[in-house]
């Protein structure tokens, strides 16, 4: 019987379930979930749909060193989980694979103190699985030699189903031009950049998902929708004439990817995104080809891009159509195949065990 691969992570957000299930079909695995701080907008699921167990970070070393697994994959979250997973794999004499979306040095005191160790792991891992080329280039700069890009994906069957945008537009007063944004209350998400752009007026209505009403109280043409479930988010993508992703780099954050980009594309909504969004740096969105890009934090640049698209319906249509063509390779199956290739590269693929 083939031993499974151990995947060590803090949480499994809903958008990761399908990817892990696709990987489990070709490379049997077990997910070790240690909890802790959330790094996603949504909480982790109770059951990821693959074999799993819950354990504390202090138990990761023993799990990875147990000899029960043919390889260990660990994400970049957690304080001691990553080095524990690395040491455990070395003790068990099985390959260690580092899985990361980080593409800049987080400059908090804790992260700076940990940077030498993390970079050592990057350069000594048997393989690295990266969110995109931007992440691959970052870890290669630290000595990683066997890097595999696993394209970030969402459930395309769900997100491409037609959303009910008419009802939502009607609830917002049937605006002439509606722009959507998802921006929880975190500095790096760029909500204040969007609000600054809208203060100048003339950009149409802005529907904000995922933030408290007090954040935008009193601002004309801005609607606080609060937290939305996936079906409601799909309806908002369908309702919007344009979607913006205004993330910006902060001392503690740089958007690893931004899966709202994938979701909006599957719904056929044209996009404006900042250059601090991983999906831009990673090549999914290319300025002028399948979306428009502005400098993170530049409210005037965001306003200019929105005005350009507001006044050019044909450009919106062309960009959205090209984005739909671009998204084809960003699937759970492609992600799983890239992870499988990383395992095969270190002789830990199913066929080699």
Protein backbone atom coordinates (compact mmCIF):
# COMPACT_ATOMS: atom_id res chain seq x y z
CA UNK A 1 0.00 0.00 0.00
CA UNK A 2 1.32 3.43 -0.98
CA UNK A 3 2.05 5.69 1.96
CA UNK A 4 0.24 9.05 1.78
CA UNK A 5 1.82 12.48 1.53
CA UNK A 6 1.54 14.61 4.67
CA UNK A 7 0.33 18.18 3.98
CA UNK A 8 0.88 20.51 6.96
CA UNK A 9 -1.20 23.70 7.01
CA UNK A 10 -2.90 26.01 9.49
CA UNK A 11 -6.39 25.98 7.93
CA UNK A 12 -8.15 24.71 4.82
CA UNK A 13 -10.23 27.60 3.44
CA UNK A 14 -13.26 26.68 1.31
CA UNK A 15 -11.51 27.56 -1.94
CA UNK A 16 -8.75 25.03 -1.19
CA UNK A 17 -11.05 22.02 -0.73
CA UNK A 18 -11.45 21.19 -4.41
CA UNK A 19 -7.71 21.51 -5.02
CA UNK A 20 -6.83 19.09 -2.22
CA UNK A 21 -9.47 16.65 -3.40
CA UNK A 22 -8.04 16.76 -6.93
CA UNK A 23 -4.55 16.11 -5.57
CA UNK A 24 -5.77 13.29 -3.35
CA UNK A 25 -7.17 11.50 -6.42
CA UNK A 26 -3.70 11.21 -7.96
CA UNK A 27 -1.42 11.42 -4.91
CA UNK A 28 -3.07 10.01 -1.75
CA UNK A 29 -2.50 12.41 1.11
CA UNK A 30 -3.34 13.30 4.68
CA UNK A 31 -3.75 16.89 5.81
CA UNK A 32 -2.48 17.90 9.25
CA UNK A 33 -4.36 21.05 10.35
CA UNK A 34 -2.90 22.93 13.30
CA UNK A 35 -5.18 26.01 13.36
CA UNK A 36 -4.07 29.39 14.64
CA UNK A 37 -4.26 32.74 12.91
CA UNK A 38 -6.45 33.07 9.83
CA UNK A 39 -4.74 34.33 6.67
CA UNK A 40 -7.85 34.14 4.49
CA UNK A 41 -11.10 36.06 4.42
CA UNK A 42 -13.06 32.88 5.13
CA UNK A 43 -12.61 30.56 8.08
CA UNK A 44 -11.27 27.07 7.51
CA UNK A 45 -13.72 24.27 6.80
CA UNK A 46 -14.50 21.59 9.37
CA UNK A 47 -13.91 18.79 6.87
CA UNK A 48 -11.63 19.30 3.82
CA UNK A 49 -13.05 16.25 2.07
CA UNK A 50 -9.75 14.33 2.21
CA UNK A 51 -8.12 12.32 5.02
CA UNK A 52 -7.11 14.76 7.75
CA UNK A 53 -6.34 15.20 11.40
CA UNK A 54 -6.06 18.15 13.74
CA UNK A 55 -3.00 18.67 15.89
CA UNK A 56 -1.06 21.44 17.62
CA UNK A 57 2.06 22.94 16.09
CA UNK A 58 4.12 21.18 18.75
CA UNK A 59 2.95 17.83 17.36
CA UNK A 60 4.00 18.53 13.77
CA UNK A 61 7.57 17.30 14.29
CA UNK A 62 6.41 13.91 15.54
CA UNK A 63 3.89 13.51 12.73
CA UNK A 64 6.39 14.39 10.01
CA UNK A 65 9.07 12.14 11.54
CA UNK A 66 6.76 9.16 12.05
CA UNK A 67 7.71 7.34 8.88
CA UNK A 68 4.04 7.02 7.97
CA UNK A 69 4.38 9.35 4.96
CA UNK A 70 6.37 9.22 1.74
CA UNK A 71 6.85 13.01 1.63
CA UNK A 72 6.00 16.10 3.66
CA UNK A 73 4.54 19.31 2.21
CA UNK A 74 4.29 22.34 4.53
CA UNK A 75 2.93 25.83 4.02
CA UNK A 76 4.59 29.03 5.17
CA UNK A 77 2.13 29.81 8.00
CA UNK A 78 2.68 29.14 11.70
CA UNK A 79 5.54 29.92 14.07
CA UNK A 80 7.11 26.48 14.53
CA UNK A 81 5.08 24.30 12.15
CA UNK A 82 7.29 24.93 9.11
CA UNK A 83 10.68 24.16 10.70
CA UNK A 84 9.11 21.27 12.59
CA UNK A 85 7.78 19.77 9.37
CA UNK A 86 11.19 20.22 7.73
CA UNK A 87 13.07 18.59 10.60
CA UNK A 88 10.54 15.77 10.81
CA UNK A 89 10.91 14.99 7.12
CA UNK A 90 14.69 14.94 7.48
CA UNK A 91 14.44 12.63 10.50
CA UNK A 92 12.17 10.28 8.54
CA UNK A 93 14.49 10.53 5.51
CA UNK A 94 11.65 11.54 3.17
CA UNK A 95 11.48 14.51 0.78
CA UNK A 96 10.36 17.89 2.12
CA UNK A 97 8.42 20.27 -0.12
CA UNK A 98 7.82 23.91 0.82
CA UNK A 99 4.46 25.38 -0.34
CA UNK A 100 4.33 29.16 -0.40
CA UNK A 101 2.59 32.26 -1.73
CA UNK A 102 5.05 34.78 -0.25
CA UNK A 103 6.70 37.11 -2.76
CA UNK A 104 8.16 39.82 -0.55
CA UNK A 105 9.79 40.02 2.84
CA UNK A 106 7.17 40.67 5.51
CA UNK A 107 8.76 43.39 7.62
CA UNK A 108 7.28 42.81 11.07
CA UNK A 109 9.84 42.15 13.84
CA UNK A 110 8.73 38.51 14.12
CA UNK A 111 9.01 37.84 10.41
CA UNK A 112 12.34 39.61 10.10
CA UNK A 113 13.73 37.53 12.96
CA UNK A 114 12.50 34.35 11.26
CA UNK A 115 13.70 35.34 7.76
CA UNK A 116 17.13 33.63 7.89
CA UNK A 117 15.55 30.32 8.89
CA UNK A 118 12.79 30.57 6.28
CA UNK A 119 15.29 31.39 3.55
CA UNK A 120 17.44 28.47 4.63
CA UNK A 121 14.42 26.17 4.31
CA UNK A 122 13.59 27.66 0.90
CA UNK A 123 17.08 26.87 -0.36
CA UNK A 124 17.29 23.42 1.24
CA UNK A 125 13.80 22.09 0.49
CA UNK A 126 13.81 19.23 -1.98
CA UNK A 127 11.19 21.12 -3.99
CA UNK A 128 9.07 24.27 -3.72
CA UNK A 129 5.45 24.68 -4.81
CA UNK A 130 4.75 28.34 -5.61
CA UNK A 131 1.48 30.22 -6.14
CA UNK A 132 2.77 31.73 -9.38
CA UNK A 133 5.86 32.91 -11.29
CA UNK A 134 6.17 35.93 -8.98
CA UNK A 135 6.58 33.61 -6.00
CA UNK A 136 8.84 31.26 -7.96
CA UNK A 137 11.18 34.16 -8.79
CA UNK A 138 11.22 35.26 -5.16
CA UNK A 139 12.24 31.87 -3.75
CA UNK A 140 14.69 31.26 -6.59
CA UNK A 141 16.42 34.44 -5.47
CA UNK A 142 16.99 32.73 -2.12
CA UNK A 143 18.54 29.63 -3.67
CA UNK A 144 15.52 27.41 -4.35
CA UNK A 145 16.45 25.24 -7.32
CA UNK A 146 13.49 22.90 -7.88
CA UNK A 147 10.45 25.18 -8.08
CA UNK A 148 7.04 24.21 -9.46
CA UNK A 149 4.23 26.70 -10.14
CA UNK A 150 0.81 25.44 -9.10
CA UNK A 151 -1.78 27.82 -10.62
CA UNK A 152 -4.20 29.31 -8.13
CA UNK A 153 -7.75 28.23 -8.82
CA UNK A 154 -11.35 28.41 -7.66
CA UNK A 155 -14.32 26.14 -8.33
CA UNK A 156 -14.96 27.13 -11.92
CA UNK A 157 -18.17 25.07 -12.13
CA UNK A 158 -19.65 27.13 -9.30
CA UNK A 159 -18.27 30.57 -10.22
CA UNK A 160 -19.17 30.30 -13.91
CA UNK A 161 -22.84 29.56 -13.23
CA UNK A 162 -24.96 32.61 -14.16
CA UNK A 163 -25.41 34.94 -11.22
CA UNK A 164 -28.62 36.81 -10.51
CA UNK A 165 -27.34 40.33 -10.93
CA UNK A 166 -30.65 41.98 -11.86
CA UNK A 167 -32.15 41.59 -8.39
CA UNK A 168 -29.09 43.05 -6.71
CA UNK A 169 -28.91 46.00 -9.10
CA UNK A 170 -32.57 46.70 -8.45
CA UNK A 171 -31.95 46.63 -4.69
CA UNK A 172 -29.22 49.24 -5.20
CA UNK A 173 -31.54 51.52 -7.18
CA UNK A 174 -30.57 50.35 -10.68
CA UNK A 175 -27.33 52.34 -10.91
CA UNK A 176 -26.18 53.44 -14.34
CA UNK A 177 -22.70 52.01 -13.72
CA UNK A 178 -21.90 49.62 -10.89
CA UNK A 179 -18.43 48.74 -9.65
CA UNK A 180 -17.81 45.95 -7.14
CA UNK A 181 -15.04 45.41 -4.62
CA UNK A 182 -14.37 42.88 -1.85
CA UNK A 183 -12.34 44.52 0.88
CA UNK A 184 -12.35 43.29 4.44
CA UNK A 185 -11.11 45.68 7.13
CA UNK A 186 -7.37 45.21 6.62
CA UNK A 187 -4.93 47.92 5.44
CA UNK A 188 -3.46 45.82 2.65
CA UNK A 189 -6.84 45.27 0.98
CA UNK A 190 -6.88 48.86 -0.25
CA UNK A 191 -10.42 49.87 0.69
CA UNK A 192 -9.28 53.37 1.61
CA UNK A 193 -7.72 53.76 -1.84
CA UNK A 194 -11.06 52.90 -3.42
CA UNK A 195 -12.97 55.27 -1.15
CA UNK A 196 -10.50 58.07 -1.93
CA UNK A 197 -11.07 57.51 -5.65
CA UNK A 198 -14.84 57.65 -5.19
CA UNK A 199 -14.73 60.90 -3.22
CA UNK A 200 -13.93 62.70 -6.45
CA UNK A 201 -17.22 61.49 -7.95
CA UNK A 202 -18.08 60.50 -11.48
CA UNK A 203 -17.11 56.83 -11.16
CA UNK A 204 -20.58 55.38 -10.76
CA UNK A 205 -21.80 53.39 -7.76
CA UNK A 206 -19.44 51.26 -5.66
CA UNK A 207 -20.78 48.11 -3.99
CA UNK A 208 -18.50 47.01 -1.14
CA UNK A 209 -18.65 43.41 0.07
CA UNK A 210 -17.02 42.25 3.26
CA UNK A 211 -16.78 45.37 5.38
CA UNK A 212 -18.80 47.06 8.12
CA UNK A 213 -21.15 49.88 7.17
CA UNK A 214 -19.34 52.39 9.40
CA UNK A 215 -16.27 52.16 7.14
CA UNK A 216 -18.09 53.98 4.33
CA UNK A 217 -20.75 55.88 6.24
CA UNK A 218 -21.80 59.09 4.54
CA UNK A 219 -19.95 58.58 1.26
CA UNK A 220 -22.09 59.19 -1.80
CA UNK A 221 -22.66 56.38 -4.29
CA UNK A 222 -20.97 53.79 -2.03
CA UNK A 223 -23.00 50.86 -0.69
CA UNK A 224 -21.90 48.62 2.22
CA UNK A 225 -23.20 45.12 1.59
CA UNK A 226 -21.46 43.44 4.51
CA UNK A 227 -20.25 39.86 4.48
CA UNK A 228 -21.70 37.88 1.56
CA UNK A 229 -21.92 34.13 1.10
CA UNK A 230 -20.58 32.58 -2.14
CA UNK A 231 -23.94 32.70 -3.91
CA UNK A 232 -24.36 36.38 -3.02
CA UNK A 233 -20.80 37.11 -4.18
CA UNK A 234 -21.57 35.44 -7.49
CA UNK A 235 -24.64 37.63 -7.85
CA UNK A 236 -22.54 40.72 -7.14
CA UNK A 237 -19.98 39.78 -9.81
CA UNK A 238 -22.88 39.34 -12.23
CA UNK A 239 -24.40 42.67 -11.24
CA UNK A 240 -21.18 44.67 -11.55
CA UNK A 241 -20.13 46.38 -14.76
CA UNK A 242 -16.58 46.34 -13.44
CA UNK A 243 -14.65 44.75 -10.57
CA UNK A 244 -11.73 46.38 -8.79
CA UNK A 245 -8.99 44.82 -6.64
CA UNK A 246 -7.19 47.77 -4.98
CA UNK A 247 -4.74 45.88 -2.72
CA UNK A 248 -1.54 47.62 -1.68
CA UNK A 249 1.70 46.52 -0.08
CA UNK A 250 2.12 47.15 3.64
CA UNK A 251 4.82 46.28 6.13
CA UNK A 252 3.01 43.07 6.97
CA UNK A 253 1.16 42.16 3.78
CA UNK A 254 1.35 41.78 0.04
CA UNK A 255 -1.56 40.00 -1.63
CA UNK A 256 -0.27 36.48 -2.43
CA UNK A 257 -2.83 36.04 -5.21
CA UNK A 258 -6.37 37.42 -4.80
CA UNK A 259 -8.85 34.69 -5.74
CA UNK A 260 -11.58 37.29 -6.29
CA UNK A 261 -9.78 37.86 -9.60
CA UNK A 262 -10.45 34.27 -10.68
CA UNK A 263 -14.03 34.42 -9.43
CA UNK A 264 -14.82 37.65 -11.30
CA UNK A 265 -13.27 36.33 -14.50
CA UNK A 266 -15.40 33.18 -14.37
CA UNK A 267 -18.45 35.43 -14.07
CA UNK A 268 -17.37 37.51 -17.09
CA UNK A 269 -16.76 40.72 -15.14
CA UNK A 270 -13.97 43.02 -16.43
CA UNK A 271 -11.22 43.88 -13.95
CA UNK A 272 -9.05 46.70 -12.67
CA UNK A 273 -6.37 45.55 -10.23
CA UNK A 274 -3.32 47.04 -8.56
CA UNK A 275 0.23 45.90 -9.19
CA UNK A 276 0.36 44.69 -5.57
CA UNK A 277 -2.05 41.86 -6.38
CA UNK A 278 -0.41 38.47 -6.83
CA UNK A 279 -2.67 37.61 -9.77
CA UNK A 280 -1.16 40.63 -11.57
CA UNK A 281 2.44 39.95 -10.56
CA UNK A 282 1.89 36.27 -11.36
CA UNK A 283 0.73 37.02 -14.91
CA UNK A 284 -2.97 36.19 -14.88
CA UNK A 285 -3.93 39.85 -15.39
CA UNK A 286 -1.90 41.74 -17.99
CA UNK A 287 -2.46 45.48 -18.33
CA UNK A 288 -4.34 46.35 -21.50
CA UNK A 289 -4.70 42.71 -22.57
CA UNK A 290 -7.27 41.25 -20.19
CA UNK A 291 -7.65 43.96 -17.55
CA UNK A 292 -6.25 47.29 -16.44
CA UNK A 293 -3.51 47.69 -13.82
CA UNK A 294 -2.69 50.67 -11.61
CA UNK A 295 -0.08 51.32 -8.93
CA UNK A 296 -1.12 50.09 -5.49
CA UNK A 297 -2.27 52.97 -3.28
CA UNK A 298 -2.71 55.38 -6.21
CA UNK A 299 -6.30 56.56 -5.90
CA UNK A 300 -5.95 58.86 -8.93
CA UNK A 301 -4.63 55.97 -11.02
CA UNK A 302 -7.54 53.80 -9.95
CA UNK A 303 -10.03 56.56 -10.76
CA UNK A 304 -8.49 57.05 -14.20
CA UNK A 305 -8.74 53.34 -15.01
CA UNK A 306 -12.36 53.17 -13.86
CA UNK A 307 -13.28 56.26 -15.89
CA UNK A 308 -11.62 54.78 -18.96
CA UNK A 309 -13.64 51.60 -18.74
CA UNK A 310 -16.83 53.33 -17.71
CA UNK A 311 -16.74 55.26 -20.96
CA UNK A 312 -15.79 52.33 -23.21
CA UNK A 313 -18.18 49.38 -23.18
CA UNK A 314 -16.37 47.69 -26.06
CA UNK A 315 -13.07 47.77 -24.17
CA UNK A 316 -14.79 46.23 -21.15
CA UNK A 317 -16.19 43.47 -23.33
CA UNK A 318 -12.83 42.79 -24.98
CA UNK A 319 -10.88 42.67 -21.74
CA UNK A 320 -13.43 40.38 -20.09
CA UNK A 321 -13.46 38.01 -23.09
CA UNK A 322 -9.67 37.80 -23.11
CA UNK A 323 -9.61 37.20 -19.35
CA UNK A 324 -12.04 34.31 -19.81
CA UNK A 325 -9.64 32.79 -22.34
CA UNK A 326 -6.70 33.34 -19.96
CA UNK A 327 -8.32 31.56 -17.00
CA UNK A 328 -8.58 28.16 -18.69
CA UNK A 329 -5.39 26.69 -17.18
CA UNK A 330 -6.21 27.91 -13.66
CA UNK A 331 -8.07 24.85 -12.41
CA UNK A 332 -7.97 22.49 -9.45
CA UNK A 333 -6.75 19.77 -11.79
CA UNK A 334 -3.85 21.92 -13.02
CA UNK A 335 -2.92 22.77 -9.44
CA UNK A 336 -2.95 19.10 -8.48
CA UNK A 337 -0.87 18.11 -11.50
CA UNK A 338 1.78 20.69 -10.61
CA UNK A 339 1.95 19.37 -7.05
CA UNK A 340 2.18 15.83 -8.40
CA UNK A 341 5.06 16.89 -10.65
CA UNK A 342 6.84 18.37 -7.65
CA UNK A 343 6.47 15.04 -5.84
CA UNK A 344 7.68 13.12 -8.89
CA UNK A 345 10.72 15.40 -9.16
CA UNK A 346 11.90 14.17 -5.76
CA UNK A 347 10.97 10.53 -6.45
CA UNK A 348 7.95 10.72 -4.14
CA UNK A 349 5.20 10.55 -6.73
CA UNK A 350 2.73 7.70 -6.50
CA UNK A 351 4.33 5.90 -9.40
CA UNK A 352 7.74 5.94 -7.75
CA UNK A 353 6.76 4.58 -4.32
